């Protein structure tokens, strides 16, 4: 980093960062030695003599690959930290953010202008670190889209830089919010292994593949244990991010408890997958209640009115009027 051939590069980088309004500078590669040293820094062959346009964001990215940051290198080389006036900071921040978005094809995104203003005013990112973080954020945002969703994790996208509370997490999260989405809807899980989903194949994580094209979603592991025709996915805790990942693109049918939670989860599963219910109609509920009571089964009392079932407008009223809970375990024999 302290090679004499790079002295002019570092001078121009500092001048650009402190000058305000620019996010790149032009650097003249005069000789073979300069081309070699610059090539080692940028990790690619450099021609000479030639003039290269150097992006602050990209330069910081390459410096980080060598274990430092651009502000740290400039402070070490010149013996003083980066200094900016308030007006220069604002002008430079806008330019850096616009450049980062443009580099990743996002400059015309509907949320871009509002995001730039928000990051500049409220992002709480030190000006010297902004080129790198802005470039990281734009790179991540360019990879995320609701359709087709490509599931990944925060760590896979940016290591620990996307942990909660980090500057990168804040500004990427803000862009997603301005775009009307969030981490999960963009296909980003907290991690690859947390909350694995139980299926007929066993427990699956983000790194596993659900082989079945058609699958039945249920609530109780008893259905899996009892040999209910499958393949099955068991969701005792509702539609988790891992479950959403494995259900994407599958043909889904869903069965759950006749409870407020069961109706809510089934609504959510159908909305996510476009699937259908299995034996979850008002008629199925009435038949189950009648059969169970005739067999002397004591059914729990329904104390909360369920939300409307998207697949059957009569179900919530029927359950509220009858006032009894029917679980999957109660109707297990009829599902076999």
Protein backbone atom coordinates (compact mmCIF):
# COMPACT_ATOMS: atom_id res chain seq x y z
CA UNK A 1 0.00 0.00 0.00
CA UNK A 2 2.91 2.35 0.70
CA UNK A 3 4.69 1.78 -2.64
CA UNK A 4 6.00 5.08 -4.07
CA UNK A 5 4.29 4.22 -7.37
CA UNK A 6 0.91 4.59 -5.62
CA UNK A 7 1.64 7.95 -3.98
CA UNK A 8 -0.23 9.86 -6.68
CA UNK A 9 -3.14 7.45 -6.49
CA UNK A 10 -3.54 8.07 -2.77
CA UNK A 11 -3.18 11.82 -3.21
CA UNK A 12 -5.94 11.88 -5.81
CA UNK A 13 -8.14 9.62 -3.71
CA UNK A 14 -7.82 11.95 -0.71
CA UNK A 15 -8.40 15.02 -2.85
CA UNK A 16 -11.55 13.44 -4.31
CA UNK A 17 -12.94 12.38 -0.95
CA UNK A 18 -12.27 15.72 0.69
CA UNK A 19 -13.21 17.86 -2.29
CA UNK A 20 -16.92 17.00 -2.38
CA UNK A 21 -19.16 16.33 -5.34
CA UNK A 22 -17.21 13.51 -6.99
CA UNK A 23 -17.12 9.77 -6.44
CA UNK A 24 -14.30 8.92 -8.88
CA UNK A 25 -11.04 10.34 -10.21
CA UNK A 26 -8.71 9.89 -13.18
CA UNK A 27 -5.29 8.31 -12.64
CA UNK A 28 -2.44 8.17 -15.16
CA UNK A 29 -0.50 4.88 -15.31
CA UNK A 30 2.86 6.03 -16.63
CA UNK A 31 5.13 2.98 -16.53
CA UNK A 32 5.37 -0.78 -16.11
CA UNK A 33 6.20 -0.66 -12.40
CA UNK A 34 3.13 1.50 -11.64
CA UNK A 35 0.97 -0.82 -13.76
CA UNK A 36 2.26 -3.85 -11.86
CA UNK A 37 1.71 -2.38 -8.38
CA UNK A 38 -1.74 -1.03 -9.31
CA UNK A 39 -2.65 -4.38 -10.85
CA UNK A 40 -1.77 -6.14 -7.60
CA UNK A 41 -4.02 -3.74 -5.71
CA UNK A 42 -6.94 -3.99 -8.13
CA UNK A 43 -6.37 -7.71 -8.76
CA UNK A 44 -6.35 -7.44 -12.56
CA UNK A 45 -3.88 -6.64 -15.36
CA UNK A 46 -3.27 -2.92 -15.95
CA UNK A 47 -2.04 -1.55 -19.28
CA UNK A 48 0.49 1.28 -19.58
CA UNK A 49 0.76 4.02 -20.49
CA UNK A 50 -2.94 4.57 -19.90
CA UNK A 51 -5.42 6.67 -18.01
CA UNK A 52 -7.87 4.89 -15.71
CA UNK A 53 -11.05 6.11 -14.05
CA UNK A 54 -10.94 5.03 -10.39
CA UNK A 55 -14.17 4.77 -8.39
CA UNK A 56 -13.80 5.51 -4.68
CA UNK A 57 -16.28 2.76 -3.89
CA UNK A 58 -14.45 0.19 -5.99
CA UNK A 59 -11.06 1.32 -4.69
CA UNK A 60 -12.26 0.90 -1.11
CA UNK A 61 -13.59 -2.55 -2.04
CA UNK A 62 -10.18 -3.62 -3.38
CA UNK A 63 -8.34 -2.16 -0.39
CA UNK A 64 -10.61 -4.14 1.94
CA UNK A 65 -9.67 -7.33 0.12
CA UNK A 66 -6.13 -6.60 1.34
CA UNK A 67 -7.30 -6.27 4.96
CA UNK A 68 -7.74 -2.52 5.38
CA UNK A 69 -10.07 0.32 4.32
CA UNK A 70 -9.48 3.29 2.06
CA UNK A 71 -9.80 5.86 4.88
CA UNK A 72 -7.35 3.84 7.00
CA UNK A 73 -4.82 3.64 4.16
CA UNK A 74 -5.05 7.38 3.46
CA UNK A 75 -4.61 8.19 7.14
CA UNK A 76 -1.58 5.88 7.31
CA UNK A 77 0.01 7.20 4.11
CA UNK A 78 -0.51 10.89 4.83
CA UNK A 79 -0.41 10.85 8.63
CA UNK A 80 -3.81 12.50 9.10
CA UNK A 81 -7.47 11.43 8.90
CA UNK A 82 -9.87 12.42 6.13
CA UNK A 83 -11.34 15.87 6.71
CA UNK A 84 -14.54 17.22 5.17
CA UNK A 85 -16.63 20.34 5.58
CA UNK A 86 -20.34 19.88 6.25
CA UNK A 87 -21.29 21.14 2.80
CA UNK A 88 -18.70 18.94 1.16
CA UNK A 89 -19.97 15.94 3.10
CA UNK A 90 -23.52 16.41 1.84
CA UNK A 91 -22.44 16.94 -1.77
CA UNK A 92 -20.06 14.02 -1.72
CA UNK A 93 -22.58 11.71 -0.05
CA UNK A 94 -25.16 12.36 -2.76
CA UNK A 95 -22.60 11.74 -5.49
CA UNK A 96 -21.29 8.56 -3.88
CA UNK A 97 -24.79 7.14 -3.38
CA UNK A 98 -25.90 8.02 -6.91
CA UNK A 99 -22.75 6.45 -8.35
CA UNK A 100 -23.24 3.24 -6.36
CA UNK A 101 -26.83 2.89 -7.58
CA UNK A 102 -25.84 3.64 -11.17
CA UNK A 103 -23.04 1.05 -11.07
CA UNK A 104 -25.58 -1.63 -10.17
CA UNK A 105 -28.41 -0.56 -12.47
CA UNK A 106 -30.58 0.94 -9.74
CA UNK A 107 -30.38 4.65 -10.44
CA UNK A 108 -33.92 4.74 -11.84
CA UNK A 109 -35.51 2.62 -9.11
CA UNK A 110 -38.67 4.34 -7.78
CA UNK A 111 -37.19 4.49 -4.29
CA UNK A 112 -33.72 5.76 -5.28
CA UNK A 113 -34.10 9.50 -4.69
CA UNK A 114 -35.81 9.11 -1.32
CA UNK A 115 -33.24 6.52 -0.26
CA UNK A 116 -30.31 8.78 -1.15
CA UNK A 117 -31.80 11.61 0.91
CA UNK A 118 -32.51 9.32 3.85
CA UNK A 119 -29.04 7.78 3.90
CA UNK A 120 -27.38 11.17 3.66
CA UNK A 121 -29.48 12.67 6.48
CA UNK A 122 -30.11 9.74 8.80
CA UNK A 123 -27.82 6.87 7.77
CA UNK A 124 -25.23 7.71 10.45
CA UNK A 125 -22.41 6.49 8.23
CA UNK A 126 -19.03 8.22 8.56
CA UNK A 127 -18.20 9.93 5.30
CA UNK A 128 -14.93 8.03 4.72
CA UNK A 129 -16.77 4.70 5.00
CA UNK A 130 -19.67 5.71 2.76
CA UNK A 131 -18.20 4.70 -0.65
CA UNK A 132 -17.66 1.11 0.45
CA UNK A 133 -20.97 0.76 2.30
CA UNK A 134 -22.94 2.42 -0.51
CA UNK A 135 -21.38 0.07 -3.06
CA UNK A 136 -22.10 -2.95 -0.84
CA UNK A 137 -25.70 -1.87 -0.36
CA UNK A 138 -26.31 -1.31 -4.07
CA UNK A 139 -24.72 -4.65 -4.92
CA UNK A 140 -26.97 -6.47 -2.44
CA UNK A 141 -30.13 -4.65 -3.54
CA UNK A 142 -29.42 -5.48 -7.18
CA UNK A 143 -29.41 -9.19 -6.28
CA UNK A 144 -32.73 -9.14 -4.43
CA UNK A 145 -36.12 -9.36 -6.12
CA UNK A 146 -39.47 -10.84 -5.07
CA UNK A 147 -39.90 -12.72 -8.33
CA UNK A 148 -38.12 -14.92 -9.03
CA UNK A 149 -37.02 -15.20 -5.44
CA UNK A 150 -33.48 -16.52 -4.96
CA UNK A 151 -33.26 -17.53 -1.32
CA UNK A 152 -30.08 -16.70 0.56
CA UNK A 153 -28.94 -15.48 3.98
CA UNK A 154 -27.61 -12.22 5.34
CA UNK A 155 -24.24 -13.86 5.97
CA UNK A 156 -24.04 -15.20 2.42
CA UNK A 157 -24.70 -11.70 1.09
CA UNK A 158 -22.24 -9.75 3.23
CA UNK A 159 -20.90 -11.76 6.15
CA UNK A 160 -21.24 -10.04 9.52
CA UNK A 161 -21.83 -6.66 7.85
CA UNK A 162 -25.57 -7.48 7.72
CA UNK A 163 -25.89 -8.26 11.42
CA UNK A 164 -28.53 -6.22 13.25
CA UNK A 165 -27.42 -2.71 14.10
CA UNK A 166 -24.75 -2.47 11.39
CA UNK A 167 -24.85 0.54 9.02
CA UNK A 168 -25.18 -1.69 5.97
CA UNK A 169 -28.18 -3.46 7.53
CA UNK A 170 -29.88 -0.14 8.21
CA UNK A 171 -29.57 1.28 4.72
CA UNK A 172 -30.41 -1.94 2.85
CA UNK A 173 -33.42 -2.41 5.12
CA UNK A 174 -34.51 1.17 4.40
CA UNK A 175 -34.31 0.60 0.63
CA UNK A 176 -36.39 -2.57 0.95
CA UNK A 177 -38.99 -0.69 3.01
CA UNK A 178 -39.15 2.11 0.44
CA UNK A 179 -39.63 -0.54 -2.25
CA UNK A 180 -42.57 -1.95 -0.29
CA UNK A 181 -40.90 -5.17 0.76
CA UNK A 182 -38.66 -6.59 3.50
CA UNK A 183 -35.86 -9.10 4.03
CA UNK A 184 -38.07 -12.17 4.09
CA UNK A 185 -40.19 -11.24 1.08
CA UNK A 186 -36.95 -10.59 -0.79
CA UNK A 187 -35.75 -14.11 0.01
CA UNK A 188 -33.20 -13.28 2.72
CA UNK A 189 -33.24 -15.56 5.76
CA UNK A 190 -31.56 -14.74 9.10
CA UNK A 191 -29.34 -17.80 8.66
CA UNK A 192 -29.20 -21.08 6.74
CA UNK A 193 -29.72 -23.52 9.60
CA UNK A 194 -32.10 -21.95 12.10
CA UNK A 195 -35.61 -23.40 12.42
CA UNK A 196 -35.22 -26.27 9.94
CA UNK A 197 -38.53 -27.48 8.52
CA UNK A 198 -39.73 -31.03 9.20
CA UNK A 199 -40.82 -32.97 6.12
CA UNK A 200 -41.18 -36.56 4.96
CA UNK A 201 -37.50 -36.26 3.90
CA UNK A 202 -36.50 -35.27 7.43
CA UNK A 203 -35.43 -31.82 8.60
CA UNK A 204 -34.48 -29.46 5.76
CA UNK A 205 -32.40 -26.28 5.91
CA UNK A 206 -31.76 -23.64 3.28
CA UNK A 207 -28.98 -25.79 1.86
CA UNK A 208 -31.29 -28.78 1.28
CA UNK A 209 -33.73 -29.42 -1.54
CA UNK A 210 -37.32 -30.57 -1.16
CA UNK A 211 -37.63 -33.22 -3.84
CA UNK A 212 -41.43 -33.33 -4.06
CA UNK A 213 -43.29 -31.17 -6.58
CA UNK A 214 -46.56 -31.59 -4.66
CA UNK A 215 -46.73 -31.49 -0.86
CA UNK A 216 -49.31 -31.43 1.92
CA UNK A 217 -48.74 -28.91 4.69
CA UNK A 218 -49.98 -29.90 8.16
CA UNK A 219 -49.56 -28.75 11.75
CA UNK A 220 -49.07 -31.88 13.82
CA UNK A 221 -46.03 -34.20 13.71
CA UNK A 222 -48.49 -36.98 14.57
CA UNK A 223 -49.66 -36.95 10.95
CA UNK A 224 -46.12 -37.69 9.80
CA UNK A 225 -45.67 -40.33 12.49
CA UNK A 226 -49.01 -42.01 11.64
CA UNK A 227 -48.28 -42.39 7.97
CA UNK A 228 -50.73 -39.89 6.49
CA UNK A 229 -50.17 -40.05 2.72
CA UNK A 230 -47.50 -37.57 1.76
CA UNK A 231 -45.13 -36.10 1.14
CA UNK A 232 -45.82 -33.90 4.16
CA UNK A 233 -44.42 -30.69 5.61
CA UNK A 234 -45.10 -30.16 9.31
CA UNK A 235 -45.49 -26.56 10.50
CA UNK A 236 -46.11 -26.57 14.27
CA UNK A 237 -44.95 -22.93 14.48
CA UNK A 238 -46.67 -21.59 11.38
CA UNK A 239 -45.22 -20.52 8.05
CA UNK A 240 -41.57 -19.95 8.92
CA UNK A 241 -39.00 -18.43 6.53
CA UNK A 242 -37.47 -21.87 5.94
CA UNK A 243 -40.92 -23.24 5.07
CA UNK A 244 -41.52 -20.37 2.64
CA UNK A 245 -38.25 -21.19 0.91
CA UNK A 246 -39.08 -24.87 0.47
CA UNK A 247 -42.69 -24.22 -0.59
CA UNK A 248 -41.80 -21.77 -3.34
CA UNK A 249 -42.82 -23.23 -6.69
CA UNK A 250 -44.55 -26.27 -5.17
CA UNK A 251 -48.13 -27.43 -5.60
CA UNK A 252 -49.50 -27.21 -2.06
CA UNK A 253 -52.53 -28.44 -0.19
CA UNK A 254 -52.98 -27.49 3.45
CA UNK A 255 -54.65 -28.97 6.50
CA UNK A 256 -54.58 -27.50 10.00
CA UNK A 257 -56.53 -27.32 13.25
CA UNK A 258 -60.04 -25.87 13.32
CA UNK A 259 -58.84 -23.08 15.62
CA UNK A 260 -58.22 -19.34 15.18
CA UNK A 261 -54.50 -20.06 14.79
CA UNK A 262 -55.20 -22.87 12.34
CA UNK A 263 -57.34 -20.59 10.17
CA UNK A 264 -54.73 -17.82 10.31
CA UNK A 265 -51.84 -20.11 9.33
CA UNK A 266 -53.85 -21.76 6.55
CA UNK A 267 -54.77 -18.34 5.15
CA UNK A 268 -51.08 -17.45 5.19
CA UNK A 269 -49.98 -20.67 3.51
CA UNK A 270 -52.58 -20.30 0.75
CA UNK A 271 -51.67 -16.65 0.19
CA UNK A 272 -47.95 -17.53 -0.09
CA UNK A 273 -48.29 -20.62 -2.28
CA UNK A 274 -51.57 -20.21 -4.16
CA UNK A 275 -52.41 -23.67 -2.85
CA UNK A 276 -55.68 -25.30 -1.79
CA UNK A 277 -57.08 -26.68 1.46
CA UNK A 278 -57.61 -30.34 2.27
CA UNK A 279 -60.66 -31.33 4.35
CA UNK A 280 -60.93 -27.85 5.88
CA UNK A 281 -64.45 -26.75 4.87
CA UNK A 282 -67.35 -25.81 7.15
CA UNK A 283 -68.94 -29.16 6.22
CA UNK A 284 -65.74 -30.99 7.28
CA UNK A 285 -65.81 -29.15 10.61
CA UNK A 286 -69.47 -29.95 11.28
CA UNK A 287 -68.95 -33.60 10.40
CA UNK A 288 -65.89 -33.84 12.66
CA UNK A 289 -67.73 -32.28 15.61
CA UNK A 290 -70.73 -34.58 15.20
CA UNK A 291 -68.56 -37.70 14.89
CA UNK A 292 -66.36 -36.85 17.85
CA UNK A 293 -69.22 -35.95 20.18
CA UNK A 294 -71.01 -39.16 19.22
CA UNK A 295 -67.89 -41.05 20.29
CA UNK A 296 -67.80 -39.31 23.64
CA UNK A 297 -64.75 -37.16 22.84
CA UNK A 298 -64.54 -33.99 24.97
CA UNK A 299 -63.67 -31.06 22.68
CA UNK A 300 -62.06 -27.86 24.00
CA UNK A 301 -64.13 -24.68 23.99
CA UNK A 302 -63.49 -22.12 21.27
CA UNK A 303 -62.99 -18.83 23.14
CA UNK A 304 -61.91 -16.56 20.28
CA UNK A 305 -63.70 -16.03 17.00
CA UNK A 306 -61.45 -17.04 14.06
CA UNK A 307 -60.71 -14.69 11.20
CA UNK A 308 -62.57 -15.36 7.93
CA UNK A 309 -61.23 -18.36 6.04
CA UNK A 310 -60.20 -17.32 2.54
CA UNK A 311 -61.33 -20.65 1.09
CA UNK A 312 -64.76 -20.95 2.78
CA UNK A 313 -66.83 -17.91 3.86
CA UNK A 314 -69.03 -20.07 6.11
CA UNK A 315 -66.26 -21.68 8.17
CA UNK A 316 -65.59 -18.88 10.69
CA UNK A 317 -69.32 -18.39 11.41
CA UNK A 318 -69.87 -22.14 11.77
CA UNK A 319 -66.98 -22.46 14.23
CA UNK A 320 -68.09 -19.41 16.23
CA UNK A 321 -71.65 -20.71 16.45
CA UNK A 322 -70.63 -24.24 17.40
CA UNK A 323 -67.96 -23.02 19.83
CA UNK A 324 -65.74 -26.10 19.82
CA UNK A 325 -62.13 -26.72 18.84
CA UNK A 326 -61.16 -29.59 16.55
CA UNK A 327 -57.45 -30.38 16.18
CA UNK A 328 -55.63 -32.49 13.63
CA UNK A 329 -55.12 -35.18 16.26
CA UNK A 330 -58.90 -35.34 16.71
CA UNK A 331 -59.50 -36.10 13.02
CA UNK A 332 -56.36 -38.17 12.42
CA UNK A 333 -58.25 -41.43 11.60
CA UNK A 334 -60.21 -39.73 8.82
CA UNK A 335 -56.97 -38.40 7.27
CA UNK A 336 -55.30 -41.79 6.98
